[in-house]
Amino acid sequence: MENAVVAGLLLAISVVQSLAAPDPQTPPNILFMMADQMRADALSCAGNAAIRTPNLDKLAAEGVRFANAFSSTPSCTPARAAILTGLSPWYHGMLGYGVVATRYPYELPRALSSGGYFTCSIGKDHFGWNTTTNEGVPHGYHRTDLYDGLPKELDDYDQWFAEANPGVNPMATGLEYNDYRGRAYVLDEYYHPTAYVGRAAIEFLKTYDQTRPFFLKVSFHRPHSPYDPPKVYMDQYDPTHMPDPYTGGNWDSRYAVNYNTTPDPGIWCGNISLDTLRVSRQAYYGNVGFIDSWVGEILTVLQEQGLADDTFVLFTADHGDMLGDHYHFRKTYPYFGSSHIPMMFKWPMSRRPHPPTGGDISEPRGSVREEVVELRDLFPTFLDIAGVPVAHTLNGSSLLNLLRASQPGHKLQNSISQQKQEGETWREYLDLEHSTCYNITNHWNALTDGHTKYVFRAYFDDEQLFDLDSDPHEMTNLAGEPEWRSTLEQWRGRMVEQFEREGRGPQWVADRKLVRRTKGQLYSPNYPGSTRNPPPIPDTD
């Protein structure tokens, strides 16, 4: 009798385990979470002792953190075009803050859908809103539930809020979308956009009942301004203990007094009092903490629903936020606060990427990778996880190549990357750029390998060179130092080669020299429908 009971229990356990165990014949789920305007150093696991991000730290500890992750065109729409297409700025066509095209030849959601995935986007897409159908431009997502945080767009969150709170202003906190000031959210936490996005993601995970795997994108609008966390999160920080902005280098004083052309409190540069900026950072950190708590909730539900062992998780941001560094605010700049972003990736304990790519990930958990990676790399990474062949040429490469690089048979999906040389296993350096935004002087191109950064400021026709190893906050421009001349020439030559390879023409490079450009170029010829370029959208982001 006792043996029969034991046998029955073992059989029951076996059945439960078989039901919960991932099916190697089915592609795994993918959970893609991102924040908007989150700096790379807004993480305690990145060495910032002033901020607390326990759930994001845990994600990094259980996976890998990419210490040199960048947004090549660091503003919302071109960054999201890079994720959508897997291409660099010149090839997806958005060189600055413009309009995401209605359709690209090859798009991430459609590629995953062709591989059997159900795709869902919750939160910020910034793809535009169709007022006729009353839905966001889907770009192949099967389902969307959107909050873009744009004042002229009445999206899903805005409609929900208006129905739940008739006559109440969702911006009752009194801050603007590009405000540098910080203030605690005055409404109930339940109505905060971060809570809306977090709840929608949890509802998706709790109710998902399809047999096909899912690709779930969860895109938080914050810590993008307004800096308005619920009071409980803002009160976790003392403004007098906030890090002060990095200012006082040999190049940034001009921005303390000159060039600002946007109205206060949405300025793009200027000398703001430290007391104000400390409260701004207090609120910004509070918004990051609020997101971190929802990330923890989402991952807990993933575990409770029995999905964690069959789901790959990636977290990143579209770009950063200067927060007053070098007297700059917001984004669109080549400097650390704007272009350097967080990126963490976790793979399940008992699951490998789906065939035909497959291959075990050999990277130790908790590792920090130093290679330069970028948002264009996410598209091929997700296809690699899903086992979906790459049907078109991409500029990005699967991040999994770095995590199983010692294993033979896994070629880089990177056939037109500007920097990849024959025999290299990863790009040597990365291209960055942004066309005119906020002010006619603000358009530039840059290159970095994570150790050195070269910037060509096209309006001023001058150069910046930073030694990131000894000067990570880019205080000292070395371009005029004689001992750095050969390094400067090397990086300048690389940019010339990039422009020539891309066929940018004499407006960009002539006689192997970079050309001064007093006007920006918002779209490249590769932008879909480039012969009828749309105008730049108003500066509301």
Protein backbone atom coordinates (compact mmCIF):
# COMPACT_ATOMS: atom_id res chain seq x y z
CA MET A 1 0.00 0.00 0.00
CA GLU A 2 2.80 2.40 0.99
CA ASN A 3 4.64 1.70 -2.26
CA ALA A 4 1.47 2.41 -4.22
CA VAL A 5 1.01 5.76 -2.48
CA VAL A 6 4.63 6.73 -3.14
CA ALA A 7 4.28 5.67 -6.76
CA GLY A 8 1.12 7.75 -7.07
CA LEU A 9 2.81 10.81 -5.60
CA LEU A 10 5.79 10.41 -7.91
CA LEU A 11 3.45 10.11 -10.88
CA ALA A 12 1.59 13.27 -9.83
CA ILE A 13 4.84 15.19 -9.40
CA SER A 14 5.99 13.95 -12.79
CA VAL A 15 2.77 15.15 -14.43
CA VAL A 16 3.03 18.60 -12.80
CA GLN A 17 6.67 18.92 -13.83
CA SER A 18 5.89 17.89 -17.37
CA LEU A 19 3.10 20.45 -17.58
CA ALA A 20 5.30 23.24 -16.20
CA ALA A 21 8.47 22.34 -18.07
CA PRO A 22 9.25 24.31 -21.23
CA ASP A 23 8.50 22.52 -24.48
CA PRO A 24 11.73 22.50 -26.52
CA GLN A 25 9.66 22.11 -29.68
CA THR A 26 7.99 25.49 -29.11
CA PRO A 27 9.85 28.80 -29.32
CA PRO A 28 10.27 30.55 -25.95
CA ASN A 29 8.43 33.67 -24.84
CA ILE A 30 10.14 37.06 -24.96
CA LEU A 31 9.48 39.82 -22.43
CA PHE A 32 10.95 43.13 -23.60
CA MET A 33 10.76 45.96 -21.05
CA MET A 34 12.07 49.46 -21.56
CA ALA A 35 11.98 52.88 -19.98
CA ASP A 36 12.00 56.26 -21.66
CA GLN A 37 14.84 58.72 -21.07
CA MET A 38 16.66 56.54 -18.50
CA ARG A 39 20.38 57.14 -18.09
CA ALA A 40 22.83 54.25 -17.91
CA ASP A 41 23.93 55.32 -14.44
CA ALA A 42 20.41 55.38 -12.99
CA LEU A 43 21.07 51.90 -11.57
CA SER A 44 22.66 50.90 -8.31
CA CYS A 45 24.23 47.88 -10.06
CA ALA A 46 26.01 50.37 -12.35
CA GLY A 47 27.80 51.84 -9.34
CA ASN A 48 25.40 54.63 -8.41
CA ALA A 49 25.15 54.51 -4.62
CA ALA A 50 22.56 57.31 -4.57
CA ILE A 51 19.79 55.28 -6.26
CA ARG A 52 18.02 52.05 -5.31
CA THR A 53 16.92 49.69 -8.08
CA PRO A 54 16.72 46.24 -6.43
CA ASN A 55 14.64 44.55 -9.11
CA LEU A 56 16.71 45.76 -12.04
CA ASP A 57 19.84 44.86 -10.06
CA LYS A 58 18.42 41.36 -9.58
CA LEU A 59 17.74 41.08 -13.31
CA ALA A 60 21.37 41.99 -14.01
CA ALA A 61 22.65 39.60 -11.33
CA GLU A 62 20.66 36.72 -12.83
CA GLY A 63 21.70 37.55 -16.39
CA VAL A 64 24.16 39.96 -17.93
CA ARG A 65 24.53 43.74 -18.00
CA PHE A 66 25.93 45.50 -21.06
CA ALA A 67 28.00 48.37 -19.67
CA ASN A 68 28.51 50.08 -23.04
CA ALA A 69 24.99 50.16 -24.43
CA PHE A 70 24.13 53.21 -26.51
CA SER A 71 21.29 54.86 -28.35
CA SER A 72 22.78 55.91 -31.69
CA THR A 73 20.22 58.65 -32.33
CA PRO A 74 19.27 59.57 -28.79
CA SER A 75 15.73 60.85 -28.99
CA CYS A 76 12.47 58.95 -28.84
CA THR A 77 11.37 58.39 -32.43
CA PRO A 78 14.66 57.49 -34.16
CA ALA A 79 15.64 55.26 -31.22
CA ARG A 80 12.38 53.35 -31.61
CA ALA A 81 12.92 53.15 -35.37
CA ALA A 82 16.22 51.40 -34.64
CA ILE A 83 14.45 48.83 -32.47
CA LEU A 84 11.71 48.38 -35.06
CA THR A 85 14.07 47.88 -38.02
CA GLY A 86 17.42 46.63 -36.67
CA LEU A 87 19.16 49.31 -38.73
CA SER A 88 21.57 52.17 -38.09
CA PRO A 89 20.38 55.78 -38.52
CA TRP A 90 21.44 56.22 -42.15
CA TYR A 91 19.78 52.96 -43.18
CA HIS A 92 16.45 53.31 -41.36
CA GLY A 93 16.48 56.92 -42.49
CA MET A 94 15.82 58.87 -39.29
CA LEU A 95 18.79 61.11 -38.50
CA GLY A 96 16.96 63.04 -35.80
CA TYR A 97 13.66 63.60 -34.05
CA GLY A 98 11.18 63.15 -36.87
CA VAL A 99 8.25 60.92 -37.74
CA VAL A 100 8.50 57.13 -37.59
CA ALA A 101 7.50 55.89 -41.04
CA THR A 102 4.14 54.18 -41.31
CA ARG A 103 5.76 51.05 -42.72
CA TYR A 104 9.31 49.74 -43.17
CA PRO A 105 10.29 46.91 -45.51
CA TYR A 106 11.22 44.63 -42.58
CA GLU A 107 9.83 45.15 -39.07
CA LEU A 108 10.36 43.31 -35.80
CA PRO A 109 6.72 42.52 -34.86
CA ARG A 110 5.93 41.22 -38.34
CA ALA A 111 9.08 39.10 -38.44
CA LEU A 112 8.22 37.50 -35.09
CA SER A 113 4.61 37.02 -36.17
CA SER A 114 5.85 35.11 -39.22
CA GLY A 115 7.69 32.85 -36.78
CA GLY A 116 4.49 32.00 -34.90
CA TYR A 117 4.54 34.66 -32.16
CA PHE A 118 1.67 36.66 -30.73
CA THR A 119 2.98 40.20 -30.39
CA CYS A 120 1.71 42.80 -27.96
CA SER A 121 2.92 46.33 -27.19
CA ILE A 122 1.93 48.04 -23.94
CA GLY A 123 2.91 51.62 -23.09
CA LYS A 124 4.93 53.91 -25.34
CA ASP A 125 5.42 53.17 -29.03
CA HIS A 126 5.57 56.71 -30.44
CA PHE A 127 4.55 55.37 -33.84
CA GLY A 128 1.64 57.79 -34.26
CA TRP A 129 -2.09 57.60 -33.60
CA ASN A 130 -4.76 56.89 -36.21
CA THR A 131 -7.71 59.10 -35.29
CA THR A 132 -9.94 57.35 -37.83
CA THR A 133 -9.54 53.89 -36.31
CA ASN A 134 -8.79 55.28 -32.83
CA GLU A 135 -5.70 53.17 -32.37
CA GLY A 136 -1.95 53.47 -32.61
CA VAL A 137 -0.10 52.72 -35.85
CA PRO A 138 0.51 49.01 -35.14
CA HIS A 139 3.56 48.13 -37.26
CA GLY A 140 2.44 44.50 -37.10
CA TYR A 141 1.66 44.18 -33.40
CA HIS A 142 -1.39 41.99 -32.89
CA ARG A 143 -2.46 44.03 -29.89
CA THR A 144 -1.56 47.44 -28.44
CA ASP A 145 -2.47 49.35 -25.28
CA LEU A 146 -0.68 52.65 -25.55
CA TYR A 147 0.45 55.70 -23.63
CA ASP A 148 2.83 57.87 -25.64
CA GLY A 149 2.72 60.90 -23.36
CA LEU A 150 2.03 63.36 -26.18
CA PRO A 151 -0.34 66.26 -25.45
CA LYS A 152 -2.05 66.14 -28.86
CA GLU A 153 -2.57 62.37 -28.88
CA LEU A 154 -5.65 60.96 -27.15
CA ASP A 155 -4.36 57.41 -26.75
CA ASP A 156 -5.56 54.41 -24.72
CA TYR A 157 -4.35 55.74 -21.37
CA ASP A 158 -5.74 59.21 -22.02
CA GLN A 159 -9.16 57.81 -22.90
CA TRP A 160 -9.14 55.50 -19.86
CA PHE A 161 -8.13 58.37 -17.58
CA ALA A 162 -10.83 60.70 -18.94
CA GLU A 163 -13.50 58.05 -18.40
CA ALA A 164 -12.28 57.23 -14.88
CA ASN A 165 -11.81 60.89 -13.86
CA PRO A 166 -14.26 63.15 -15.73
CA GLY A 167 -13.07 66.72 -15.78
CA VAL A 168 -9.75 65.96 -14.04
CA ASN A 169 -6.52 67.13 -15.65
CA PRO A 170 -4.06 64.21 -15.94
CA MET A 171 -1.27 66.81 -15.68
CA ALA A 172 -2.67 68.22 -12.44
CA THR A 173 0.78 67.98 -10.83
CA GLY A 174 1.56 71.18 -12.70
CA LEU A 175 4.63 70.06 -14.61
CA GLU A 176 5.15 70.08 -18.37
CA TYR A 177 6.29 67.25 -20.64
CA ASN A 178 9.79 68.69 -21.01
CA ASP A 179 10.03 70.30 -17.59
CA TYR A 180 13.30 70.20 -15.67
CA ARG A 181 11.51 70.67 -12.35
CA GLY A 182 10.50 67.79 -10.06
CA ARG A 183 7.35 67.38 -7.98
CA ALA A 184 5.41 64.50 -6.42
CA TYR A 185 2.36 63.25 -8.33
CA VAL A 186 -0.74 64.86 -6.82
CA LEU A 187 -3.31 62.29 -7.92
CA ASP A 188 -3.78 58.78 -6.59
CA GLU A 189 -0.87 56.53 -7.56
CA TYR A 190 -3.35 54.23 -9.32
CA TYR A 191 -3.77 56.79 -12.12
CA HIS A 192 -0.07 57.36 -12.78
CA PRO A 193 0.96 56.29 -16.32
CA THR A 194 3.63 53.98 -14.89
CA ALA A 195 0.99 52.12 -12.85
CA TYR A 196 -1.29 51.91 -15.88
CA VAL A 197 1.43 50.28 -17.98
CA GLY A 198 2.50 47.94 -15.17
CA ARG A 199 -1.06 46.75 -14.51
CA ALA A 200 -1.70 46.17 -18.21
CA ALA A 201 1.43 44.03 -18.47
CA ILE A 202 0.44 41.95 -15.45
CA GLU A 203 -3.08 41.50 -16.83
CA PHE A 204 -1.61 40.24 -20.10
CA LEU A 205 0.54 37.65 -18.30
CA LYS A 206 -2.29 36.49 -16.05
CA THR A 207 -4.78 36.03 -18.86
CA TYR A 208 -2.60 34.86 -21.74
CA ASP A 209 -4.10 31.58 -22.92
CA GLN A 210 -2.80 31.08 -26.43
CA THR A 211 -0.70 28.10 -27.42
CA ARG A 212 1.74 30.18 -29.44
CA PRO A 213 4.60 31.98 -27.69
CA PHE A 214 4.34 35.68 -26.95
CA PHE A 215 6.51 38.70 -27.56
CA LEU A 216 5.44 41.25 -24.97
CA LYS A 217 6.86 44.76 -25.13
CA VAL A 218 6.30 46.79 -21.95
CA SER A 219 7.42 50.38 -22.53
CA PHE A 220 7.21 52.80 -19.59
CA HIS A 221 6.96 56.50 -20.44
CA ARG A 222 8.87 57.59 -17.35
CA PRO A 223 11.44 58.63 -16.10
CA HIS A 224 10.93 60.97 -19.07
CA SER A 225 9.65 64.30 -17.78
CA PRO A 226 7.42 65.25 -16.12
CA TYR A 227 9.50 64.17 -13.13
CA ASP A 228 6.44 63.26 -11.08
CA PRO A 229 6.75 60.06 -9.03
CA PRO A 230 4.20 59.18 -6.37
CA LYS A 231 5.15 60.85 -3.10
CA VAL A 232 6.20 57.59 -1.47
CA TYR A 233 8.88 57.10 -4.13
CA MET A 234 10.03 60.71 -4.15
CA ASP A 235 10.35 60.65 -0.36
CA GLN A 236 12.79 57.75 -0.56
CA TYR A 237 15.44 60.28 -1.55
CA ASP A 238 16.87 63.33 0.16
CA PRO A 239 17.60 66.07 -2.40
CA THR A 240 20.66 67.17 -0.44
CA HIS A 241 22.17 63.73 -1.07
CA MET A 242 21.64 63.78 -4.83
CA PRO A 243 24.69 63.83 -7.12
CA ASP A 244 25.32 67.25 -8.60
CA PRO A 245 25.53 67.64 -12.38
CA TYR A 246 28.90 67.28 -14.07
CA THR A 247 29.91 70.79 -15.15
CA GLY A 248 33.06 72.86 -15.34
CA GLY A 249 34.98 71.05 -18.05
CA ASN A 250 37.10 72.82 -20.65
CA TRP A 251 34.27 73.06 -23.18
CA ASP A 252 30.84 73.41 -21.55
CA SER A 253 30.75 76.97 -20.13
CA ARG A 254 29.16 78.36 -23.32
CA TYR A 255 26.02 76.37 -22.52
CA ALA A 256 25.62 78.00 -19.13
CA VAL A 257 24.58 81.27 -20.74
CA ASN A 258 24.25 80.98 -24.52
CA TYR A 259 22.28 79.15 -27.22
CA ASN A 260 19.14 78.32 -25.27
CA THR A 261 16.12 78.94 -27.50
CA THR A 262 13.40 76.92 -25.78
CA PRO A 263 11.18 78.48 -23.11
CA ASP A 264 11.63 77.90 -19.41
CA PRO A 265 10.91 75.38 -17.84
CA GLY A 266 11.53 73.32 -20.98
CA ILE A 267 14.98 74.69 -21.69
CA TRP A 268 17.59 72.55 -23.43
CA CYS A 269 20.57 74.27 -21.82
CA GLY A 270 21.33 76.82 -19.13
CA ASN A 271 22.65 77.37 -15.62
CA ILE A 272 19.93 76.30 -13.18
CA SER A 273 20.38 76.50 -9.41
CA LEU A 274 21.77 73.39 -7.75
CA ASP A 275 18.87 73.29 -5.29
CA THR A 276 16.41 73.04 -8.18
CA LEU A 277 18.47 70.42 -9.98
CA ARG A 278 18.81 68.29 -6.84
CA VAL A 279 15.03 68.19 -6.50
CA SER A 280 14.81 67.35 -10.21
CA ARG A 281 17.12 64.40 -9.74
CA GLN A 282 15.27 63.36 -6.57
CA ALA A 283 12.05 63.16 -8.59
CA TYR A 284 13.79 61.52 -11.56
CA TYR A 285 15.21 58.84 -9.26
CA GLY A 286 11.77 58.44 -7.74
CA ASN A 287 10.32 57.75 -11.18
CA VAL A 288 13.06 55.18 -11.81
CA GLY A 289 12.26 53.56 -8.44
CA PHE A 290 8.55 53.41 -9.34
CA ILE A 291 9.41 51.66 -12.60
CA ASP A 292 11.75 49.32 -10.75
CA SER A 293 8.94 48.28 -8.42
CA TRP A 294 6.67 47.48 -11.37
CA VAL A 295 9.45 45.52 -13.05
CA GLY A 296 9.61 43.45 -9.86
CA GLU A 297 5.83 42.94 -9.89
CA ILE A 298 5.88 41.85 -13.53
CA LEU A 299 8.70 39.38 -12.97
CA THR A 300 6.94 37.99 -9.90
CA VAL A 301 3.78 37.36 -11.91
CA LEU A 302 5.86 35.80 -14.67
CA GLN A 303 7.13 33.33 -12.06
CA GLU A 304 3.71 32.74 -10.48
CA GLN A 305 2.17 31.99 -13.87
CA GLY A 306 4.79 29.34 -14.56
CA LEU A 307 6.24 31.34 -17.45
CA ALA A 308 9.65 32.32 -16.08
CA ASP A 309 11.38 29.09 -17.14
CA ASP A 310 10.25 29.64 -20.71
CA THR A 311 10.80 33.39 -21.10
CA PHE A 312 13.81 35.48 -22.11
CA VAL A 313 13.81 38.96 -20.54
CA LEU A 314 15.54 42.13 -21.78
CA PHE A 315 15.39 45.62 -20.26
CA THR A 316 16.73 48.84 -21.79
CA ALA A 317 15.83 52.47 -22.57
CA ASP A 318 15.44 54.50 -25.74
CA HIS A 319 17.94 57.17 -24.62
CA GLY A 320 19.08 58.97 -21.49
CA ASP A 321 18.64 62.38 -19.86
CA MET A 322 21.37 64.96 -19.25
CA LEU A 323 19.80 66.20 -15.97
CA GLY A 324 21.93 69.33 -16.10
CA ASP A 325 25.26 67.69 -16.97
CA HIS A 326 27.36 70.20 -18.92
CA TYR A 327 24.41 72.60 -18.52
CA HIS A 328 22.33 70.42 -20.86
CA PHE A 329 18.83 69.03 -20.35
CA ARG A 330 16.80 66.28 -21.94
CA LYS A 331 18.48 64.37 -24.82
CA THR A 332 19.66 64.50 -28.49
CA TYR A 333 23.31 64.97 -27.47
CA PRO A 334 26.36 62.70 -27.92
CA TYR A 335 27.31 62.90 -24.25
CA PHE A 336 27.05 60.22 -21.59
CA GLY A 337 23.78 61.28 -19.96
CA SER A 338 21.96 61.42 -23.30
CA SER A 339 23.35 58.55 -25.40
CA HIS A 340 24.43 55.94 -22.82
CA ILE A 341 21.60 53.62 -21.77
CA PRO A 342 21.01 50.68 -19.43
CA MET A 343 20.71 47.20 -20.93
CA MET A 344 20.25 43.91 -19.08
CA PHE A 345 19.38 40.49 -20.44
CA LYS A 346 18.29 37.35 -18.60
CA TRP A 347 17.79 33.90 -20.07
CA PRO A 348 15.80 31.08 -18.43
CA MET A 349 17.57 28.44 -16.39
CA SER A 350 16.36 25.46 -18.40
CA ARG A 351 15.86 26.87 -21.86
CA ARG A 352 18.12 27.65 -24.80
CA PRO A 353 17.30 29.83 -27.83
CA HIS A 354 15.07 28.04 -30.30
CA PRO A 355 16.51 26.11 -33.27
CA PRO A 356 17.81 26.56 -35.89
CA THR A 357 20.09 29.08 -34.17
CA GLY A 358 19.95 27.40 -30.75
CA GLY A 359 23.17 26.96 -28.83
CA ASP A 360 23.71 27.08 -25.10
CA ILE A 361 24.52 30.41 -23.50
CA SER A 362 27.85 29.98 -21.76
CA GLU A 363 28.12 33.43 -20.19
CA PRO A 364 28.27 33.32 -16.36
CA ARG A 365 25.25 34.94 -14.75
CA GLY A 366 26.00 38.30 -13.21
CA SER A 367 28.57 39.16 -15.88
CA VAL A 368 29.18 42.65 -17.20
CA ARG A 369 30.03 42.87 -20.91
CA GLU A 370 32.13 45.77 -22.20
CA GLU A 371 31.46 45.55 -25.96
CA VAL A 372 29.62 48.48 -27.55
CA VAL A 373 26.03 47.44 -28.20
CA GLU A 374 23.09 49.43 -29.49
CA LEU A 375 19.31 49.37 -29.95
CA ARG A 376 19.73 48.07 -33.52
CA ASP A 377 21.01 44.84 -31.96
CA LEU A 378 17.66 44.01 -30.35
CA PHE A 379 15.87 42.98 -33.55
CA PRO A 380 18.41 40.25 -34.46
CA THR A 381 18.64 39.24 -30.78
CA PHE A 382 14.91 38.59 -30.57
CA LEU A 383 14.93 36.69 -33.87
CA ASP A 384 17.86 34.63 -32.60
CA ILE A 385 15.96 33.71 -29.43
CA ALA A 386 12.89 32.81 -31.45
CA GLY A 387 14.77 30.76 -34.03
CA VAL A 388 13.39 32.96 -36.81
CA PRO A 389 15.80 33.32 -39.74
CA VAL A 390 16.83 36.85 -40.66
CA ALA A 391 15.08 37.53 -43.95
CA HIS A 392 16.66 40.91 -44.72
CA THR A 393 20.06 42.44 -44.09
CA LEU A 394 20.35 44.17 -40.72
CA ASN A 395 22.97 46.49 -39.25
CA GLY A 396 22.54 45.00 -35.79
CA SER A 397 23.90 41.72 -34.47
CA SER A 398 22.39 39.29 -32.00
CA LEU A 399 23.63 39.91 -28.47
CA LEU A 400 23.61 36.15 -28.02
CA ASN A 401 26.74 36.04 -30.16
CA LEU A 402 28.56 37.66 -27.26
CA LEU A 403 27.13 35.22 -24.73
CA ARG A 404 28.07 32.10 -26.66
CA ALA A 405 30.93 33.59 -28.68
CA SER A 406 33.29 30.70 -27.92
CA GLN A 407 30.94 28.21 -29.58
CA PRO A 408 31.44 27.46 -33.29
CA GLY A 409 28.73 27.68 -35.88
CA HIS A 410 27.07 30.94 -34.82
CA LYS A 411 27.78 33.65 -37.37
CA LEU A 412 27.13 37.31 -36.70
CA GLN A 413 23.89 38.59 -38.21
CA ASN A 414 25.64 41.80 -39.20
CA SER A 415 26.36 41.86 -42.90
CA ILE A 416 26.20 45.63 -43.53
CA SER A 417 27.39 46.98 -40.20
CA GLN A 418 29.52 50.06 -40.88
CA GLN A 419 32.32 48.99 -38.56
CA LYS A 420 32.52 45.20 -38.86
CA GLN A 421 35.79 44.09 -40.42
CA GLU A 422 36.57 40.68 -41.87
CA GLY A 423 37.28 38.17 -39.11
CA GLU A 424 35.96 40.32 -36.27
CA THR A 425 33.53 38.78 -33.84
CA TRP A 426 31.89 42.08 -32.91
CA ARG A 427 31.91 45.69 -34.08
CA GLU A 428 35.01 47.61 -33.13
CA TYR A 429 33.15 50.88 -32.67
CA LEU A 430 29.70 52.38 -33.05
CA ASP A 431 28.26 55.33 -34.99
CA LEU A 432 26.01 57.92 -33.35
CA GLU A 433 24.36 61.06 -34.71
CA HIS A 434 21.51 63.52 -34.31
CA SER A 435 20.22 66.16 -36.67
CA THR A 436 19.15 69.63 -35.57
CA CYS A 437 16.94 69.73 -32.51
CA TYR A 438 16.14 72.55 -30.06
CA ASN A 439 18.70 74.87 -31.70
CA ILE A 440 20.49 75.25 -35.05
CA THR A 441 23.84 74.57 -33.38
CA ASN A 442 22.80 71.16 -32.08
CA HIS A 443 23.55 68.62 -34.80
CA TRP A 444 26.49 66.27 -34.74
CA ASN A 445 28.00 62.87 -35.55
CA ALA A 446 30.05 60.71 -33.22
CA LEU A 447 31.91 57.43 -32.94
CA THR A 448 32.82 55.44 -29.82
CA ASP A 449 34.31 52.12 -28.82
CA GLY A 450 33.45 52.59 -25.16
CA HIS A 451 36.97 53.80 -24.38
CA THR A 452 37.24 56.84 -26.65
CA LYS A 453 34.52 59.08 -28.05
CA TYR A 454 34.95 61.30 -31.11
CA VAL A 455 32.37 64.00 -31.86
CA PHE A 456 32.12 66.16 -34.98
CA ARG A 457 29.89 69.18 -34.33
CA ALA A 458 28.75 70.04 -37.82
CA TYR A 459 27.43 73.54 -37.16
CA PHE A 460 30.57 74.69 -35.36
CA ASP A 461 32.85 72.66 -37.66
CA ASP A 462 34.83 71.52 -34.65
CA GLU A 463 35.74 68.30 -32.92
CA GLN A 464 35.65 66.78 -29.46
CA LEU A 465 37.69 63.84 -28.24
CA PHE A 466 37.14 62.22 -24.86
CA ASP A 467 39.17 59.55 -23.09
CA LEU A 468 36.29 57.66 -21.47
CA ASP A 469 38.55 55.40 -19.41
CA SER A 470 40.05 58.27 -17.43
CA ASP A 471 37.25 60.78 -18.00
CA PRO A 472 33.93 58.92 -18.15
CA HIS A 473 31.92 62.10 -17.62
CA GLU A 474 33.55 63.84 -20.58
CA MET A 475 34.89 66.85 -18.75
CA THR A 476 38.01 67.39 -20.87
CA ASN A 477 37.99 67.77 -24.63
CA LEU A 478 41.35 66.45 -25.85
CA ALA A 479 40.93 67.42 -29.50
CA GLY A 480 43.40 70.28 -29.21
CA GLU A 481 46.07 68.39 -27.27
CA PRO A 482 49.20 67.61 -29.34
CA GLU A 483 49.74 64.19 -27.73
CA TRP A 484 46.25 63.14 -28.87
CA ARG A 485 46.66 64.28 -32.48
CA SER A 486 47.20 60.82 -33.97
CA THR A 487 44.20 59.45 -32.08
CA LEU A 488 42.08 62.35 -33.29
CA GLU A 489 43.16 61.75 -36.88
CA GLN A 490 42.38 58.05 -36.60
CA TRP A 491 38.82 58.67 -35.42
CA ARG A 492 38.26 61.47 -37.93
CA GLY A 493 39.39 59.08 -40.67
CA ARG A 494 36.93 56.47 -39.47
CA MET A 495 34.07 58.95 -39.75
CA VAL A 496 35.17 59.95 -43.25
CA GLU A 497 35.20 56.26 -44.22
CA GLN A 498 31.73 55.76 -42.76
CA PHE A 499 30.25 58.67 -44.70
CA GLU A 500 31.91 57.53 -47.93
CA ARG A 501 30.78 53.95 -47.43
CA GLU A 502 27.20 55.06 -46.84
CA GLY A 503 27.30 57.33 -49.89
CA ARG A 504 26.30 60.46 -48.00
CA GLY A 505 27.63 62.76 -50.69
CA PRO A 506 29.57 66.04 -50.81
CA GLN A 507 27.34 67.75 -48.25
CA TRP A 508 28.91 65.42 -45.67
CA VAL A 509 32.40 64.60 -46.92
CA ALA A 510 34.54 66.01 -49.73
CA ASP A 511 38.15 65.27 -50.64
CA ARG A 512 38.24 62.93 -47.63
CA LYS A 513 37.42 65.79 -45.29
CA LEU A 514 34.38 66.31 -43.10
CA VAL A 515 32.26 69.21 -44.31
CA ARG A 516 30.75 71.91 -42.16
CA ARG A 517 26.95 71.79 -42.23
CA THR A 518 25.03 74.79 -40.92
CA LYS A 519 21.73 73.02 -41.55
CA GLY A 520 20.72 69.58 -40.41
CA GLN A 521 19.32 66.71 -42.46
CA LEU A 522 16.44 65.01 -40.71
CA TYR A 523 15.96 62.07 -43.10
CA SER A 524 18.37 60.07 -45.23
CA PRO A 525 17.45 58.80 -48.72
CA ASN A 526 16.72 55.41 -47.11
CA TYR A 527 13.71 56.76 -45.23
CA PRO A 528 10.55 55.14 -46.69
CA GLY A 529 9.02 57.61 -49.12
CA SER A 530 12.02 59.92 -48.82
CA THR A 531 10.99 61.88 -51.91
CA ARG A 532 8.07 63.24 -49.89
CA ASN A 533 9.68 63.68 -46.52
CA PRO A 534 7.23 64.56 -43.76
CA PRO A 535 7.98 67.74 -41.82
CA PRO A 536 9.58 67.47 -38.39
CA ILE A 537 7.01 66.97 -35.69
CA PRO A 538 6.65 69.69 -33.04
CA ASP A 539 9.09 69.63 -30.17
CA THR A 540 6.81 67.99 -27.61
CA ASP A 541 8.98 65.03 -26.64
